[in-house]
Amino acid sequence: MTMKNKPLEIGGVKLYTVKDIAKAMEVEEQTVRRYIKRGYLQSRKIGRNIFITEQQLRDFVEANK
């Protein structure tokens, strides 16, 4: 899983969009949204945008090895 775009960083915390995660996992954005809705992948909504922190992504990967 590789990230090509530089993530948004606020206060030292890297934030990835649903689109970033979908590209890295080679799945559709809807699949990532489904993981979030079912509680498999934690996220934060800021305004209208959904963001996944680097730690949330690591937790998801570890839980699904």
PDB file of N, CA and C in Angstrom:
ATOM      1  N   MET A   1       0.842  -1.156   0.000  1.00  0.00           N
ATOM      2  CA  MET A   1       0.000   0.000   0.000  1.00  0.00           C
ATOM      3  C   MET A   1       0.899   1.234   0.000  1.00  0.00           C
ATOM      4  N   THR A   2       0.790   2.032  -1.011  1.00  0.00           N
ATOM      5  CA  THR A   2       1.613   3.236  -1.095  1.00  0.00           C
ATOM      6  C   THR A   2       0.735   4.455  -1.293  1.00  0.00           C
ATOM      7  N   MET A   3       1.169   5.542  -0.720  1.00  0.00           N
ATOM      8  CA  MET A   3       0.461   6.804  -0.848  1.00  0.00           C
ATOM      9  C   MET A   3       1.267   7.702  -1.780  1.00  0.00           C
ATOM     10  N   LYS A   4       0.659   8.168  -2.862  1.00  0.00           N
ATOM     11  CA  LYS A   4       1.362   9.024  -3.811  1.00  0.00           C
ATOM     12  C   LYS A   4       1.185  10.491  -3.467  1.00  0.00           C
ATOM     13  N   ASN A   5      -0.008  10.876  -3.024  1.00  0.00           N
ATOM     14  CA  ASN A   5      -0.263  12.271  -2.662  1.00  0.00           C
ATOM     15  C   ASN A   5       0.182  12.511  -1.233  1.00  0.00           C
ATOM     16  N   LYS A   6       0.659  13.710  -0.971  1.00  0.00           N
ATOM     17  CA  LYS A   6       1.046  14.071   0.375  1.00  0.00           C
ATOM     18  C   LYS A   6      -0.229  14.333   1.178  1.00  0.00           C
ATOM     19  N   PRO A   7      -0.376  13.684   2.343  1.00  0.00           N
ATOM     20  CA  PRO A   7      -1.595  13.878   3.129  1.00  0.00           C
ATOM     21  C   PRO A   7      -1.639  15.259   3.774  1.00  0.00           C
ATOM     22  N   LEU A   8      -2.829  15.686   4.111  1.00  0.00           N
ATOM     23  CA  LEU A   8      -3.010  16.910   4.868  1.00  0.00           C
ATOM     24  C   LEU A   8      -2.442  16.660   6.260  1.00  0.00           C
ATOM     25  N   GLU A   9      -1.717  17.616   6.799  1.00  0.00           N
ATOM     26  CA  GLU A   9      -1.136  17.433   8.126  1.00  0.00           C
ATOM     27  C   GLU A   9      -1.524  18.607   9.003  1.00  0.00           C
ATOM     28  N   ILE A  10      -2.139  18.292  10.144  1.00  0.00           N
ATOM     29  CA  ILE A  10      -2.561  19.313  11.096  1.00  0.00           C
ATOM     30  C   ILE A  10      -2.011  18.934  12.462  1.00  0.00           C
ATOM     31  N   GLY A  11      -1.186  19.792  13.024  1.00  0.00           N
ATOM     32  CA  GLY A  11      -0.623  19.535  14.347  1.00  0.00           C
ATOM     33  C   GLY A  11       0.187  18.262  14.410  1.00  0.00           C
ATOM     34  N   GLY A  12       0.844  17.927  13.322  1.00  0.00           N
ATOM     35  CA  GLY A  12       1.653  16.717  13.283  1.00  0.00           C
ATOM     36  C   GLY A  12       0.872  15.441  13.012  1.00  0.00           C
ATOM     37  N   VAL A  13      -0.436  15.548  12.820  1.00  0.00           N
ATOM     38  CA  VAL A  13      -1.281  14.382  12.542  1.00  0.00           C
ATOM     39  C   VAL A  13      -1.584  14.352  11.049  1.00  0.00           C
ATOM     40  N   LYS A  14      -1.239  13.235  10.400  1.00  0.00           N
ATOM     41  CA  LYS A  14      -1.511  13.086   8.964  1.00  0.00           C
ATOM     42  C   LYS A  14      -2.961  12.651   8.765  1.00  0.00           C
ATOM     43  N   LEU A  15      -3.636  13.339   7.847  1.00  0.00           N
ATOM     44  CA  LEU A  15      -5.037  13.045   7.542  1.00  0.00           C
ATOM     45  C   LEU A  15      -5.158  12.634   6.077  1.00  0.00           C
ATOM     46  N   TYR A  16      -5.777  11.483   5.863  1.00  0.00           N
ATOM     47  CA  TYR A  16      -5.989  10.975   4.509  1.00  0.00           C
ATOM     48  C   TYR A  16      -7.469  11.031   4.175  1.00  0.00           C
ATOM     49  N   THR A  17      -7.775  11.282   2.914  1.00  0.00           N
ATOM     50  CA  THR A  17      -9.165  11.289   2.458  1.00  0.00           C
ATOM     51  C   THR A  17      -9.580   9.873   2.079  1.00  0.00           C
ATOM     52  N   VAL A  18     -10.862   9.696   1.903  1.00  0.00           N
ATOM     53  CA  VAL A  18     -11.392   8.411   1.441  1.00  0.00           C
ATOM     54  C   VAL A  18     -10.751   8.059   0.094  1.00  0.00           C
ATOM     55  N   LYS A  19     -10.606   9.054  -0.762  1.00  0.00           N
ATOM     56  CA  LYS A  19     -10.007   8.840  -2.081  1.00  0.00           C
ATOM     57  C   LYS A  19      -8.559   8.357  -1.950  1.00  0.00           C
ATOM     58  N   ASP A  20      -7.776   8.977  -1.041  1.00  0.00           N
ATOM     59  CA  ASP A  20      -6.388   8.564  -0.811  1.00  0.00           C
ATOM     60  C   ASP A  20      -6.316   7.095  -0.393  1.00  0.00           C
ATOM     61  N   ILE A  21      -7.167   6.728   0.556  1.00  0.00           N
ATOM     62  CA  ILE A  21      -7.159   5.363   1.082  1.00  0.00           C
ATOM     63  C   ILE A  21      -7.586   4.374   0.003  1.00  0.00           C
ATOM     64  N   ALA A  22      -8.599   4.728  -0.768  1.00  0.00           N
ATOM     65  CA  ALA A  22      -9.082   3.843  -1.841  1.00  0.00           C
ATOM     66  C   ALA A  22      -7.987   3.591  -2.873  1.00  0.00           C
ATOM     67  N   LYS A  23      -7.274   4.646  -3.268  1.00  0.00           N
ATOM     68  CA  LYS A  23      -6.184   4.480  -4.237  1.00  0.00           C
ATOM     69  C   LYS A  23      -5.092   3.580  -3.674  1.00  0.00           C
ATOM     70  N   ALA A  24      -4.721   3.811  -2.420  1.00  0.00           N
ATOM     71  CA  ALA A  24      -3.649   3.030  -1.802  1.00  0.00           C
ATOM     72  C   ALA A  24      -4.024   1.561  -1.661  1.00  0.00           C
ATOM     73  N   MET A  25      -5.298   1.285  -1.356  1.00  0.00           N
ATOM     74  CA  MET A  25      -5.755  -0.094  -1.165  1.00  0.00           C
ATOM     75  C   MET A  25      -6.205  -0.739  -2.471  1.00  0.00           C
ATOM     76  N   GLU A  26      -6.250   0.061  -3.534  1.00  0.00           N
ATOM     77  CA  GLU A  26      -6.718  -0.405  -4.841  1.00  0.00           C
ATOM     78  C   GLU A  26      -8.133  -0.968  -4.773  1.00  0.00           C
ATOM     79  N   VAL A  27      -9.008  -0.172  -4.123  1.00  0.00           N
ATOM     80  CA  VAL A  27     -10.435  -0.503  -4.051  1.00  0.00           C
ATOM     81  C   VAL A  27     -11.215   0.755  -4.421  1.00  0.00           C
ATOM     82  N   GLU A  28     -12.503   0.609  -4.583  1.00  0.00           N
ATOM     83  CA  GLU A  28     -13.363   1.748  -4.886  1.00  0.00           C
ATOM     84  C   GLU A  28     -13.576   2.599  -3.637  1.00  0.00           C
ATOM     85  N   GLU A  29     -13.825   3.875  -3.830  1.00  0.00           N
ATOM     86  CA  GLU A  29     -14.109   4.763  -2.704  1.00  0.00           C
ATOM     87  C   GLU A  29     -15.301   4.264  -1.901  1.00  0.00           C
ATOM     88  N   GLN A  30     -16.285   3.703  -2.583  1.00  0.00           N
ATOM     89  CA  GLN A  30     -17.477   3.192  -1.902  1.00  0.00           C
ATOM     90  C   GLN A  30     -17.115   2.068  -0.925  1.00  0.00           C
ATOM     91  N   THR A  31     -16.109   1.268  -1.262  1.00  0.00           N
ATOM     92  CA  THR A  31     -15.668   0.196  -0.369  1.00  0.00           C
ATOM     93  C   THR A  31     -15.105   0.786   0.919  1.00  0.00           C
ATOM     94  N   VAL A  32     -14.307   1.829   0.806  1.00  0.00           N
ATOM     95  CA  VAL A  32     -13.748   2.495   1.991  1.00  0.00           C
ATOM     96  C   VAL A  32     -14.877   3.089   2.826  1.00  0.00           C
ATOM     97  N   ARG A  33     -15.839   3.715   2.168  1.00  0.00           N
ATOM     98  CA  ARG A  33     -16.984   4.282   2.892  1.00  0.00           C
ATOM     99  C   ARG A  33     -17.768   3.183   3.611  1.00  0.00           C
ATOM    100  N   ARG A  34     -17.883   2.023   2.992  1.00  0.00           N
ATOM    101  CA  ARG A  34     -18.574   0.884   3.614  1.00  0.00           C
ATOM    102  C   ARG A  34     -17.814   0.414   4.858  1.00  0.00           C
ATOM    103  N   TYR A  35     -16.474   0.342   4.770  1.00  0.00           N
ATOM    104  CA  TYR A  35     -15.665  -0.028   5.936  1.00  0.00           C
ATOM    105  C   TYR A  35     -15.898   0.945   7.085  1.00  0.00           C
ATOM    106  N   ILE A  36     -15.991   2.225   6.756  1.00  0.00           N
ATOM    107  CA  ILE A  36     -16.227   3.252   7.780  1.00  0.00           C
ATOM    108  C   ILE A  36     -17.618   3.079   8.377  1.00  0.00           C
ATOM    109  N   LYS A  37     -18.622   2.932   7.529  1.00  0.00           N
ATOM    110  CA  LYS A  37     -20.003   2.804   7.997  1.00  0.00           C
ATOM    111  C   LYS A  37     -20.191   1.577   8.885  1.00  0.00           C
ATOM    112  N   ARG A  38     -19.522   0.481   8.556  1.00  0.00           N
ATOM    113  CA  ARG A  38     -19.638  -0.756   9.344  1.00  0.00           C
ATOM    114  C   ARG A  38     -18.738  -0.765  10.581  1.00  0.00           C
ATOM    115  N   GLY A  39     -17.925   0.289  10.722  1.00  0.00           N
ATOM    116  CA  GLY A  39     -17.091   0.395  11.910  1.00  0.00           C
ATOM    117  C   GLY A  39     -15.746  -0.306  11.811  1.00  0.00           C
ATOM    118  N   TYR A  40     -15.404  -0.813  10.644  1.00  0.00           N
ATOM    119  CA  TYR A  40     -14.112  -1.491  10.465  1.00  0.00           C
ATOM    120  C   TYR A  40     -12.958  -0.487  10.428  1.00  0.00           C
ATOM    121  N   LEU A  41     -13.235   0.693   9.895  1.00  0.00           N
ATOM    122  CA  LEU A  41     -12.224   1.735   9.743  1.00  0.00           C
ATOM    123  C   LEU A  41     -12.752   3.002  10.406  1.00  0.00           C
ATOM    124  N   GLN A  42     -12.030   3.483  11.409  1.00  0.00           N
ATOM    125  CA  GLN A  42     -12.430   4.694  12.114  1.00  0.00           C
ATOM    126  C   GLN A  42     -12.098   5.915  11.253  1.00  0.00           C
ATOM    127  N   SER A  43     -12.858   6.973  11.431  1.00  0.00           N
ATOM    128  CA  SER A  43     -12.628   8.201  10.657  1.00  0.00           C
ATOM    129  C   SER A  43     -13.154   9.395  11.439  1.00  0.00           C
ATOM    130  N   ARG A  44     -12.873  10.569  10.923  1.00  0.00           N
ATOM    131  CA  ARG A  44     -13.376  11.816  11.486  1.00  0.00           C
ATOM    132  C   ARG A  44     -13.959  12.648  10.353  1.00  0.00           C
ATOM    133  N   LYS A  45     -15.103  13.231  10.613  1.00  0.00           N
ATOM    134  CA  LYS A  45     -15.722  14.100   9.625  1.00  0.00           C
ATOM    135  C   LYS A  45     -15.428  15.541  10.021  1.00  0.00           C
ATOM    136  N   ILE A  46     -14.838  16.268   9.097  1.00  0.00           N
ATOM    137  CA  ILE A  46     -14.548  17.678   9.316  1.00  0.00           C
ATOM    138  C   ILE A  46     -15.283  18.436   8.221  1.00  0.00           C
ATOM    139  N   GLY A  47     -16.328  19.134   8.619  1.00  0.00           N
ATOM    140  CA  GLY A  47     -17.194  19.772   7.630  1.00  0.00           C
ATOM    141  C   GLY A  47     -17.891  18.691   6.823  1.00  0.00           C
ATOM    142  N   ARG A  48     -17.725  18.744   5.521  1.00  0.00           N
ATOM    143  CA  ARG A  48     -18.335  17.742   4.637  1.00  0.00           C
ATOM    144  C   ARG A  48     -17.364  16.642   4.266  1.00  0.00           C
ATOM    145  N   ASN A  49     -16.117  16.763   4.724  1.00  0.00           N
ATOM    146  CA  ASN A  49     -15.077  15.808   4.335  1.00  0.00           C
ATOM    147  C   ASN A  49     -14.832  14.764   5.415  1.00  0.00           C
ATOM    148  N   ILE A  50     -14.521  13.550   4.966  1.00  0.00           N
ATOM    149  CA  ILE A  50     -14.186  12.457   5.872  1.00  0.00           C
ATOM    150  C   ILE A  50     -12.684  12.251   5.795  1.00  0.00           C
ATOM    151  N   PHE A  51     -12.050  12.204   6.966  1.00  0.00           N
ATOM    152  CA  PHE A  51     -10.611  11.995   7.042  1.00  0.00           C
ATOM    153  C   PHE A  51     -10.290  10.795   7.913  1.00  0.00           C
ATOM    154  N   ILE A  52      -9.219  10.098   7.551  1.00  0.00           N
ATOM    155  CA  ILE A  52      -8.714   8.959   8.309  1.00  0.00           C
ATOM    156  C   ILE A  52      -7.301   9.330   8.726  1.00  0.00           C
ATOM    157  N   THR A  53      -7.022   9.226  10.032  1.00  0.00           N
ATOM    158  CA  THR A  53      -5.671   9.541  10.489  1.00  0.00           C
ATOM    159  C   THR A  53      -4.744   8.375  10.170  1.00  0.00           C
ATOM    160  N   GLU A  54      -3.459   8.656  10.211  1.00  0.00           N
ATOM    161  CA  GLU A  54      -2.473   7.608   9.966  1.00  0.00           C
ATOM    162  C   GLU A  54      -2.632   6.481  10.982  1.00  0.00           C
ATOM    163  N   GLN A  55      -2.888   6.836  12.250  1.00  0.00           N
ATOM    164  CA  GLN A  55      -3.051   5.806  13.289  1.00  0.00           C
ATOM    165  C   GLN A  55      -4.303   4.963  13.047  1.00  0.00           C
ATOM    166  N   GLN A  56      -5.389   5.591  12.624  1.00  0.00           N
ATOM    167  CA  GLN A  56      -6.610   4.845  12.317  1.00  0.00           C
ATOM    168  C   GLN A  56      -6.366   3.868  11.171  1.00  0.00           C
ATOM    169  N   LEU A  57      -5.596   4.296  10.190  1.00  0.00           N
ATOM    170  CA  LEU A  57      -5.267   3.427   9.070  1.00  0.00           C
ATOM    171  C   LEU A  57      -4.401   2.262   9.530  1.00  0.00           C
ATOM    172  N   ARG A  58      -3.398   2.547  10.374  1.00  0.00           N
ATOM    173  CA  ARG A  58      -2.537   1.487  10.906  1.00  0.00           C
ATOM    174  C   ARG A  58      -3.359   0.479  11.711  1.00  0.00           C
ATOM    175  N   ASP A  59      -4.278   0.962  12.534  1.00  0.00           N
ATOM    176  CA  ASP A  59      -5.136   0.075  13.334  1.00  0.00           C
ATOM    177  C   ASP A  59      -5.970  -0.827  12.421  1.00  0.00           C
ATOM    178  N   PHE A  60      -6.508  -0.280  11.363  1.00  0.00           N
ATOM    179  CA  PHE A  60      -7.305  -1.048  10.412  1.00  0.00           C
ATOM    180  C   PHE A  60      -6.464  -2.140   9.751  1.00  0.00           C
ATOM    181  N   VAL A  61      -5.271  -1.775   9.318  1.00  0.00           N
ATOM    182  CA  VAL A  61      -4.381  -2.742   8.648  1.00  0.00           C
ATOM    183  C   VAL A  61      -4.000  -3.857   9.622  1.00  0.00           C
ATOM    184  N   GLU A  62      -3.652  -3.502  10.850  1.00  0.00           N
ATOM    185  CA  GLU A  62      -3.262  -4.499  11.858  1.00  0.00           C
ATOM    186  C   GLU A  62      -4.424  -5.466  12.152  1.00  0.00           C
ATOM    187  N   ALA A  63      -5.620  -4.938  12.239  1.00  0.00           N
ATOM    188  CA  ALA A  63      -6.797  -5.759  12.557  1.00  0.00           C
ATOM    189  C   ALA A  63      -7.187  -6.673  11.400  1.00  0.00           C
ATOM    190  N   ASN A  64      -6.720  -6.379  10.202  1.00  0.00           N
ATOM    191  CA  ASN A  64      -7.147  -7.135   9.027  1.00  0.00           C
ATOM    192  C   ASN A  64      -5.987  -7.824   8.314  1.00  0.00           C
ATOM    193  N   LYS A  65      -4.975  -8.226   9.069  1.00  0.00           N
ATOM    194  CA  LYS A  65      -3.844  -8.946   8.459  1.00  0.00           C
ATOM    195  C   LYS A  65      -4.241 -10.356   8.112  1.00  0.00           C
TER     196      LYS A  65
END
